[in-house]
C-alpha atoms as a PDB file:
ATOM      1  CA  MET A   1       0.000   0.000   0.000  1.00  0.00           C
ATOM      2  CA  GLU A   2       1.332   3.416  -0.973  1.00  0.00           C
ATOM      3  CA  ILE A   3       1.878   5.916   1.826  1.00  0.00           C
ATOM      4  CA  ARG A   4       2.200   9.521   0.659  1.00  0.00           C
ATOM      5  CA  VAL A   5       4.258  11.818   2.870  1.00  0.00           C
ATOM      6  CA  ALA A   6       5.061  15.537   2.856  1.00  0.00           C
ATOM      7  CA  LEU A   7       7.918  17.140   4.793  1.00  0.00           C
ATOM      8  CA  VAL A   8       8.046  20.569   6.444  1.00  0.00           C
ATOM      9  CA  GLU A   9      11.646  21.351   7.424  1.00  0.00           C
ATOM     10  CA  ASP A  10      13.504  24.679   7.209  1.00  0.00           C
ATOM     11  CA  ASN A  11      16.990  23.136   7.134  1.00  0.00           C
ATOM     12  CA  SER A  12      17.878  22.634   3.463  1.00  0.00           C
ATOM     13  CA  SER A  13      20.513  19.973   4.218  1.00  0.00           C
ATOM     14  CA  LEU A  14      18.014  17.922   6.210  1.00  0.00           C
ATOM     15  CA  ARG A  15      15.408  18.251   3.455  1.00  0.00           C
ATOM     16  CA  LYS A  16      17.960  16.998   0.932  1.00  0.00           C
ATOM     17  CA  ASN A  17      18.907  14.094   3.205  1.00  0.00           C
ATOM     18  CA  PHE A  18      15.246  13.162   3.663  1.00  0.00           C
ATOM     19  CA  ARG A  19      14.662  13.193  -0.096  1.00  0.00           C
ATOM     20  CA  GLN A  20      17.603  10.826  -0.569  1.00  0.00           C
ATOM     21  CA  GLN A  21      16.533   8.502   2.252  1.00  0.00           C
ATOM     22  CA  PHE A  22      12.990   8.175   0.951  1.00  0.00           C
ATOM     23  CA  THR A  23      14.288   6.482  -2.196  1.00  0.00           C
ATOM     24  CA  PHE A  24      15.078   3.371  -0.096  1.00  0.00           C
ATOM     25  CA  TYR A  25      11.417   2.887   0.897  1.00  0.00           C
ATOM     26  CA  PRO A  26       9.434   2.078  -2.254  1.00  0.00           C
ATOM     27  CA  GLU A  27       6.045   1.992  -0.531  1.00  0.00           C
ATOM     28  CA  ILE A  28       6.534   5.421   1.098  1.00  0.00           C
ATOM     29  CA  HIS A  29       6.561   8.349  -1.327  1.00  0.00           C
ATOM     30  CA  LEU A  30       7.686  11.875  -0.524  1.00  0.00           C
ATOM     31  CA  VAL A  31       5.189  13.920  -2.552  1.00  0.00           C
ATOM     32  CA  ALA A  32       6.303  17.398  -1.441  1.00  0.00           C
ATOM     33  CA  ASP A  33       8.684  19.210   0.880  1.00  0.00           C
ATOM     34  CA  TYR A  34       8.470  22.757   2.230  1.00  0.00           C
ATOM     35  CA  ALA A  35      10.827  25.097   4.069  1.00  0.00           C
ATOM     36  CA  THR A  36       8.150  26.970   6.040  1.00  0.00           C
ATOM     37  CA  GLY A  37       4.756  26.362   7.550  1.00  0.00           C
ATOM     38  CA  GLU A  38       3.266  29.084   5.368  1.00  0.00           C
ATOM     39  CA  ALA A  39       4.549  27.374   2.211  1.00  0.00           C
ATOM     40  CA  ALA A  40       3.198  24.011   3.396  1.00  0.00           C
ATOM     41  CA  ILE A  41      -0.267  25.410   4.052  1.00  0.00           C
ATOM     42  CA  GLU A  42      -0.417  27.107   0.666  1.00  0.00           C
ATOM     43  CA  GLY A  43       1.045  24.140  -1.212  1.00  0.00           C
ATOM     44  CA  LEU A  44      -1.197  21.523   0.383  1.00  0.00           C
ATOM     45  CA  ARG A  45      -4.261  23.733   0.059  1.00  0.00           C
ATOM     46  CA  ARG A  46      -3.713  23.882  -3.712  1.00  0.00           C
ATOM     47  CA  MET A  47      -2.813  20.199  -4.130  1.00  0.00           C
ATOM     48  CA  ALA A  48      -5.287  17.876  -5.866  1.00  0.00           C
ATOM     49  CA  PRO A  49      -7.116  15.657  -3.316  1.00  0.00           C
ATOM     50  CA  SER A  50      -5.800  12.496  -4.982  1.00  0.00           C
ATOM     51  CA  LYS A  51      -2.213  13.715  -4.501  1.00  0.00           C
ATOM     52  CA  LEU A  52      -2.471  14.892  -0.901  1.00  0.00           C
ATOM     53  CA  PRO A  53      -0.140  13.216   1.596  1.00  0.00           C
ATOM     54  CA  HIS A  54      -1.495  10.796   4.156  1.00  0.00           C
ATOM     55  CA  ILE A  55       1.098  12.045   6.650  1.00  0.00           C
ATOM     56  CA  VAL A  56       3.060  15.262   7.140  1.00  0.00           C
ATOM     57  CA  LEU A  57       6.433  15.148   8.894  1.00  0.00           C
ATOM     58  CA  MET A  58       6.481  18.482  10.709  1.00  0.00           C
ATOM     59  CA  ASP A  59       9.519  20.226  12.179  1.00  0.00           C
ATOM     60  CA  ILE A  60       8.346  21.824  15.426  1.00  0.00           C
ATOM     61  CA  GLU A  61      10.893  24.672  15.247  1.00  0.00           C
ATOM     62  CA  LEU A  62      10.105  26.622  12.065  1.00  0.00           C
ATOM     63  CA  PRO A  63      10.815  30.292  11.252  1.00  0.00           C
ATOM     64  CA  LYS A  64       7.867  32.677  11.717  1.00  0.00           C
ATOM     65  CA  MET A  65       4.931  30.259  11.947  1.00  0.00           C
ATOM     66  CA  SER A  66       5.906  27.383  14.245  1.00  0.00           C
ATOM     67  CA  GLY A  67       5.240  23.730  13.556  1.00  0.00           C
ATOM     68  CA  ILE A  68       2.542  23.764  16.250  1.00  0.00           C
ATOM     69  CA  GLU A  69       0.761  26.738  14.645  1.00  0.00           C
ATOM     70  CA  THR A  70       1.082  25.108  11.221  1.00  0.00           C
ATOM     71  CA  THR A  71      -0.386  21.886  12.587  1.00  0.00           C
ATOM     72  CA  ILE A  72      -3.434  23.701  13.985  1.00  0.00           C
ATOM     73  CA  ILE A  73      -4.173  25.311  10.617  1.00  0.00           C
ATOM     74  CA  LEU A  74      -3.525  22.147   8.584  1.00  0.00           C
ATOM     75  CA  LYS A  75      -5.815  20.075  10.811  1.00  0.00           C
ATOM     76  CA  GLU A  76      -8.555  22.660  10.296  1.00  0.00           C
ATOM     77  CA  LEU A  77      -8.082  22.714   6.519  1.00  0.00           C
ATOM     78  CA  LEU A  78      -7.291  19.036   5.967  1.00  0.00           C
ATOM     79  CA  PRO A  79      -8.345  17.048   9.059  1.00  0.00           C
ATOM     80  CA  GLU A  80      -7.782  13.704   7.334  1.00  0.00           C
ATOM     81  CA  ILE A  81      -4.016  14.302   7.149  1.00  0.00           C
ATOM     82  CA  GLU A  82      -2.010  12.909  10.070  1.00  0.00           C
ATOM     83  CA  ILE A  83       0.856  14.959  11.541  1.00  0.00           C
ATOM     84  CA  LEU A  84       4.074  13.430  12.873  1.00  0.00           C
ATOM     85  CA  MET A  85       6.205  16.018  14.674  1.00  0.00           C
ATOM     86  CA  LEU A  86      10.005  16.026  14.441  1.00  0.00           C
ATOM     87  CA  THR A  87      12.318  17.864  16.821  1.00  0.00           C
ATOM     88  CA  VAL A  88      15.809  17.916  18.284  1.00  0.00           C
ATOM     89  CA  PHE A  89      14.433  18.890  21.712  1.00  0.00           C
ATOM     90  CA  GLU A  90      12.830  16.665  24.354  1.00  0.00           C
ATOM     91  CA  ASN A  91      10.517  19.494  25.455  1.00  0.00           C
ATOM     92  CA  SER A  92       7.520  17.801  27.070  1.00  0.00           C
ATOM     93  CA  GLU A  93       5.422  20.987  27.161  1.00  0.00           C
ATOM     94  CA  LYS A  94       5.831  21.485  23.418  1.00  0.00           C
ATOM     95  CA  VAL A  95       5.041  17.835  22.846  1.00  0.00           C
ATOM     96  CA  PHE A  96       1.838  18.313  24.828  1.00  0.00           C
ATOM     97  CA  GLN A  97       1.005  21.457  22.842  1.00  0.00           C
ATOM     98  CA  SER A  98       1.606  19.515  19.622  1.00  0.00           C
ATOM     99  CA  VAL A  99      -0.814  16.806  20.713  1.00  0.00           C
ATOM    100  CA  GLN A 100      -3.419  19.412  21.597  1.00  0.00           C
ATOM    101  CA  ALA A 101      -2.885  20.979  18.155  1.00  0.00           C
ATOM    102  CA  GLY A 102      -3.763  17.672  16.512  1.00  0.00           C
ATOM    103  CA  ALA A 103      -0.445  15.867  16.019  1.00  0.00           C
ATOM    104  CA  SER A 104      -0.656  12.075  16.252  1.00  0.00           C
ATOM    105  CA  GLY A 105       3.027  11.192  16.669  1.00  0.00           C
ATOM    106  CA  TYR A 106       6.307  12.668  17.866  1.00  0.00           C
ATOM    107  CA  PHE A 107       9.896  11.686  17.028  1.00  0.00           C
ATOM    108  CA  LEU A 108      13.324  13.037  17.824  1.00  0.00           C
ATOM    109  CA  LYS A 109      15.371  13.886  14.737  1.00  0.00           C
ATOM    110  CA  ASP A 110      18.282  11.802  15.969  1.00  0.00           C
ATOM    111  CA  GLU A 111      16.208   8.632  15.635  1.00  0.00           C
ATOM    112  CA  SER A 112      17.330   6.427  12.775  1.00  0.00           C
ATOM    113  CA  PHE A 113      15.499   6.922   9.504  1.00  0.00           C
ATOM    114  CA  ASP A 114      14.282   3.327   9.778  1.00  0.00           C
ATOM    115  CA  GLU A 115      12.631   4.177  13.106  1.00  0.00           C
ATOM    116  CA  ILE A 116      10.975   7.269  11.648  1.00  0.00           C
ATOM    117  CA  MET A 117       9.695   5.269   8.677  1.00  0.00           C
ATOM    118  CA  ASN A 118       8.378   2.613  11.049  1.00  0.00           C
ATOM    119  CA  GLY A 119       6.604   5.450  12.811  1.00  0.00           C
ATOM    120  CA  VAL A 120       5.119   6.575   9.501  1.00  0.00           C
ATOM    121  CA  ARG A 121       3.809   3.054   8.873  1.00  0.00           C
ATOM    122  CA  GLU A 122       2.421   2.774  12.407  1.00  0.00           C
ATOM    123  CA  LEU A 123       0.679   6.137  12.126  1.00  0.00           C
ATOM    124  CA  HIS A 124      -0.783   5.184   8.746  1.00  0.00           C
ATOM    125  CA  ASN A 125      -2.122   1.986  10.342  1.00  0.00           C
ATOM    126  CA  GLY A 126      -3.911   3.874  13.093  1.00  0.00           C
ATOM    127  CA  GLY A 127      -1.198   4.017  15.747  1.00  0.00           C
ATOM    128  CA  ALA A 128       0.323   6.978  17.558  1.00  0.00           C
ATOM    129  CA  PRO A 129       4.120   6.538  17.394  1.00  0.00           C
ATOM    130  CA  MET A 130       6.463   8.345  19.749  1.00  0.00           C
ATOM    131  CA  SER A 131      10.116   8.070  20.648  1.00  0.00           C
ATOM    132  CA  PRO A 132      10.280   6.168  23.976  1.00  0.00           C
ATOM    133  CA  THR A 133      11.848   9.102  25.821  1.00  0.00           C
ATOM    134  CA  ILE A 134       9.184  11.448  24.445  1.00  0.00           C
ATOM    135  CA  ALA A 135       6.366   9.089  25.459  1.00  0.00           C
ATOM    136  CA  GLN A 136       7.695   8.973  29.020  1.00  0.00           C
ATOM    137  CA  LYS A 137       7.960  12.770  29.203  1.00  0.00           C
ATOM    138  CA  VAL A 138       4.403  13.209  27.942  1.00  0.00           C
ATOM    139  CA  LEU A 139       3.131  10.679  30.481  1.00  0.00           C
ATOM    140  CA  THR A 140       4.982  12.490  33.287  1.00  0.00           C
ATOM    141  CA  LEU A 141       3.575  15.859  32.175  1.00  0.00           C
ATOM    142  CA  LEU A 142       0.041  14.475  31.946  1.00  0.00           C
ATOM    143  CA  ARG A 143       0.326  13.042  35.445  1.00  0.00           C
ATOM    144  CA  LYS A 144       1.515  16.426  36.776  1.00  0.00           C
ATOM    145  CA  LYS A 145      -1.345  18.243  35.083  1.00  0.00           C
ATOM    146  CA  THR A 146      -4.018  15.818  36.265  1.00  0.00           C
ATOM    147  CA  ALA A 147      -2.546  15.759  39.785  1.00  0.00           C
ATOM    148  CA  LYS A 148      -3.493  19.447  40.119  1.00  0.00           C
ATOM    149  CA  GLU A 149      -7.153  18.610  39.496  1.00  0.00           C
ATOM    150  CA  PRO A 150      -9.578  16.980  41.961  1.00  0.00           C
ATOM    151  CA  PRO A 151      -9.309  13.192  41.711  1.00  0.00           C
ATOM    152  CA  LYS A 152     -12.011  11.461  39.693  1.00  0.00           C
ATOM    153  CA  ARG A 153     -11.612   7.845  40.666  1.00  0.00           C
ATOM    154  CA  ILE A 154     -13.737   5.100  39.168  1.00  0.00           C
ATOM    155  CA  HIS A 155     -13.925   1.738  40.898  1.00  0.00           C
ATOM    156  CA  ILE A 156     -13.106  -1.149  38.588  1.00  0.00           C
ATOM    157  CA  ASP A 157     -14.391  -4.547  39.582  1.00  0.00           C
ATOM    158  CA  GLU A 158     -11.909  -7.262  38.628  1.00  0.00           C
ATOM    159  CA  SER A 159     -14.665  -9.714  37.608  1.00  0.00           C
ATOM    160  CA  ASP A 160     -16.441  -7.831  34.857  1.00  0.00           C
ATOM    161  CA  ASP A 161     -14.621  -4.499  34.812  1.00  0.00           C
ATOM    162  CA  PRO A 162     -17.625  -2.152  34.627  1.00  0.00           C
ATOM    163  CA  THR A 163     -16.808   1.525  34.069  1.00  0.00           C
ATOM    164  CA  GLU A 164     -18.758   4.431  32.741  1.00  0.00           C
ATOM    165  CA  PHE A 165     -17.008   3.764  29.401  1.00  0.00           C
ATOM    166  CA  SER A 166     -17.935   0.062  29.323  1.00  0.00           C
ATOM    167  CA  LEU A 167     -14.382  -1.078  28.688  1.00  0.00           C
ATOM    168  CA  THR A 168     -13.868  -4.818  28.559  1.00  0.00           C
ATOM    169  CA  SER A 169     -11.166  -6.433  30.674  1.00  0.00           C
ATOM    170  CA  ARG A 170      -8.935  -6.774  27.605  1.00  0.00           C
ATOM    171  CA  GLU A 171      -9.493  -3.146  26.600  1.00  0.00           C
ATOM    172  CA  HIS A 172      -8.603  -2.045  30.114  1.00  0.00           C
ATOM    173  CA  GLU A 173      -5.371  -4.061  29.980  1.00  0.00           C
ATOM    174  CA  LEU A 174      -4.449  -2.523  26.634  1.00  0.00           C
ATOM    175  CA  LEU A 175      -5.314   0.964  27.885  1.00  0.00           C
ATOM    176  CA  GLU A 176      -2.917   0.433  30.787  1.00  0.00           C
ATOM    177  CA  GLY A 177      -0.285  -0.526  28.220  1.00  0.00           C
ATOM    178  CA  LEU A 178      -0.916   2.666  26.250  1.00  0.00           C
ATOM    179  CA  VAL A 179      -0.466   4.729  29.410  1.00  0.00           C
ATOM    180  CA  ARG A 180       2.863   2.980  30.057  1.00  0.00           C
ATOM    181  CA  GLY A 181       3.985   3.925  26.531  1.00  0.00           C
ATOM    182  CA  GLU A 182       4.025   0.371  25.159  1.00  0.00           C
ATOM    183  CA  THR A 183       3.879  -0.113  21.387  1.00  0.00           C
ATOM    184  CA  TYR A 184       1.242  -2.093  19.489  1.00  0.00           C
ATOM    185  CA  THR A 185       3.860  -4.754  18.764  1.00  0.00           C
ATOM    186  CA  THR A 186       4.813  -5.076  22.429  1.00  0.00           C
ATOM    187  CA  LEU A 187       1.170  -5.304  23.466  1.00  0.00           C
ATOM    188  CA  ALA A 188       0.495  -7.955  20.825  1.00  0.00           C
ATOM    189  CA  GLU A 189       3.385 -10.092  22.084  1.00  0.00           C
ATOM    190  CA  LYS A 190       2.496  -9.534  25.738  1.00  0.00           C
ATOM    191  CA  PHE A 191      -1.113 -10.676  25.385  1.00  0.00           C
ATOM    192  CA  PHE A 192      -0.518 -13.238  22.622  1.00  0.00           C
ATOM    193  CA  LEU A 193      -2.626 -11.277  20.122  1.00  0.00           C
ATOM    194  CA  SER A 194      -2.097 -10.369  16.495  1.00  0.00           C
ATOM    195  CA  PRO A 195      -1.186  -6.719  15.745  1.00  0.00           C
ATOM    196  CA  HIS A 196      -4.462  -6.458  13.816  1.00  0.00           C
ATOM    197  CA  THR A 197      -6.432  -7.565  16.883  1.00  0.00           C
ATOM    198  CA  VAL A 198      -4.607  -5.037  19.064  1.00  0.00           C
ATOM    199  CA  LYS A 199      -5.367  -2.313  16.527  1.00  0.00           C
ATOM    200  CA  THR A 200      -9.059  -3.259  16.550  1.00  0.00           C
ATOM    201  CA  HIS A 201      -9.173  -3.151  20.364  1.00  0.00           C
ATOM    202  CA  ILE A 202      -7.435   0.249  20.402  1.00  0.00           C
ATOM    203  CA  LYS A 203      -9.934   1.661  17.913  1.00  0.00           C
ATOM    204  CA  ASN A 204     -12.747   0.451  20.181  1.00  0.00           C
ATOM    205  CA  ILE A 205     -11.059   2.088  23.170  1.00  0.00           C
ATOM    206  CA  TYR A 206     -10.792   5.396  21.306  1.00  0.00           C
ATOM    207  CA  LYS A 207     -14.468   5.178  20.361  1.00  0.00           C
ATOM    208  CA  LYS A 208     -15.583   4.454  23.923  1.00  0.00           C
ATOM    209  CA  LEU A 209     -13.407   7.232  25.382  1.00  0.00           C
ATOM    210  CA  HIS A 210     -14.524   9.655  22.633  1.00  0.00           C
ATOM    211  CA  VAL A 211     -10.944  10.443  21.602  1.00  0.00           C
ATOM    212  CA  HIS A 212      -8.991  10.253  18.358  1.00  0.00           C
ATOM    213  CA  SER A 213      -5.403   9.804  19.476  1.00  0.00           C
ATOM    214  CA  ARG A 214      -3.257   7.831  21.900  1.00  0.00           C
ATOM    215  CA  ALA A 215      -2.270  10.957  23.818  1.00  0.00           C
ATOM    216  CA  MET A 216      -5.865  11.962  24.443  1.00  0.00           C
ATOM    217  CA  ALA A 217      -6.738   8.385  25.457  1.00  0.00           C
ATOM    218  CA  VAL A 218      -3.928   8.519  28.024  1.00  0.00           C
ATOM    219  CA  ARG A 219      -5.178  11.845  29.337  1.00  0.00           C
ATOM    220  CA  VAL A 220      -8.764  10.602  29.731  1.00  0.00           C
ATOM    221  CA  ALA A 221      -7.500   7.438  31.413  1.00  0.00           C
ATOM    222  CA  LEU A 222      -5.542   9.469  33.962  1.00  0.00           C
ATOM    223  CA  GLU A 223      -8.217  12.111  34.507  1.00  0.00           C
ATOM    224  CA  LYS A 224     -10.958   9.522  35.005  1.00  0.00           C
ATOM    225  CA  GLY A 225      -8.853   7.215  37.140  1.00  0.00           C
ATOM    226  CA  LEU A 226      -9.169   4.319  34.723  1.00  0.00           C
ATOM    227  CA  VAL A 227      -5.598   3.138  35.382  1.00  0.00           C
END
């Protein structure tokens, strides 16, 4: 299956390196690259729907309009496009802002290109990829934010696991895994499930929690005392 990707990166050397690296991944096509958020918004707005990228790799530190601001506008204009943020900084507050803006994944630029491409595939398949260190920082920040609010604990009976969201026992186990930052692959191996089955369960969890991303699922889980 073809995965179309666009890149927003102000560093010309990095853009050139990305263009070269993409040639080694035949199923992932770089359809456009931009040096600024403004150029990306204009270029994608004018692009034919059949040519639009499935995923945009977004540098968080852009001149003038930041990657976070660009993400907000792109998600308003083209909500079907997924955004995967790239940065050299492990700034948990900016990661959190990116998630609130609509980003679905977050990687450090010093990750290998293979890891970033695996993240692209995971995101295209409905996941929410993050560098492990980033995932831990986001979890820590979410816990700090929710700790300032009055606790909203929900009792979970071990026998049938009833909650206001009607999560099954398996869904609750997988939600706990998401909060710990575990990947779909790790969860599949841990519970002896296929990746497809894990993906189906996660989609059901998102639906029941009324969220559209892993980060928001984690936040609801912490706020509501589900884990």
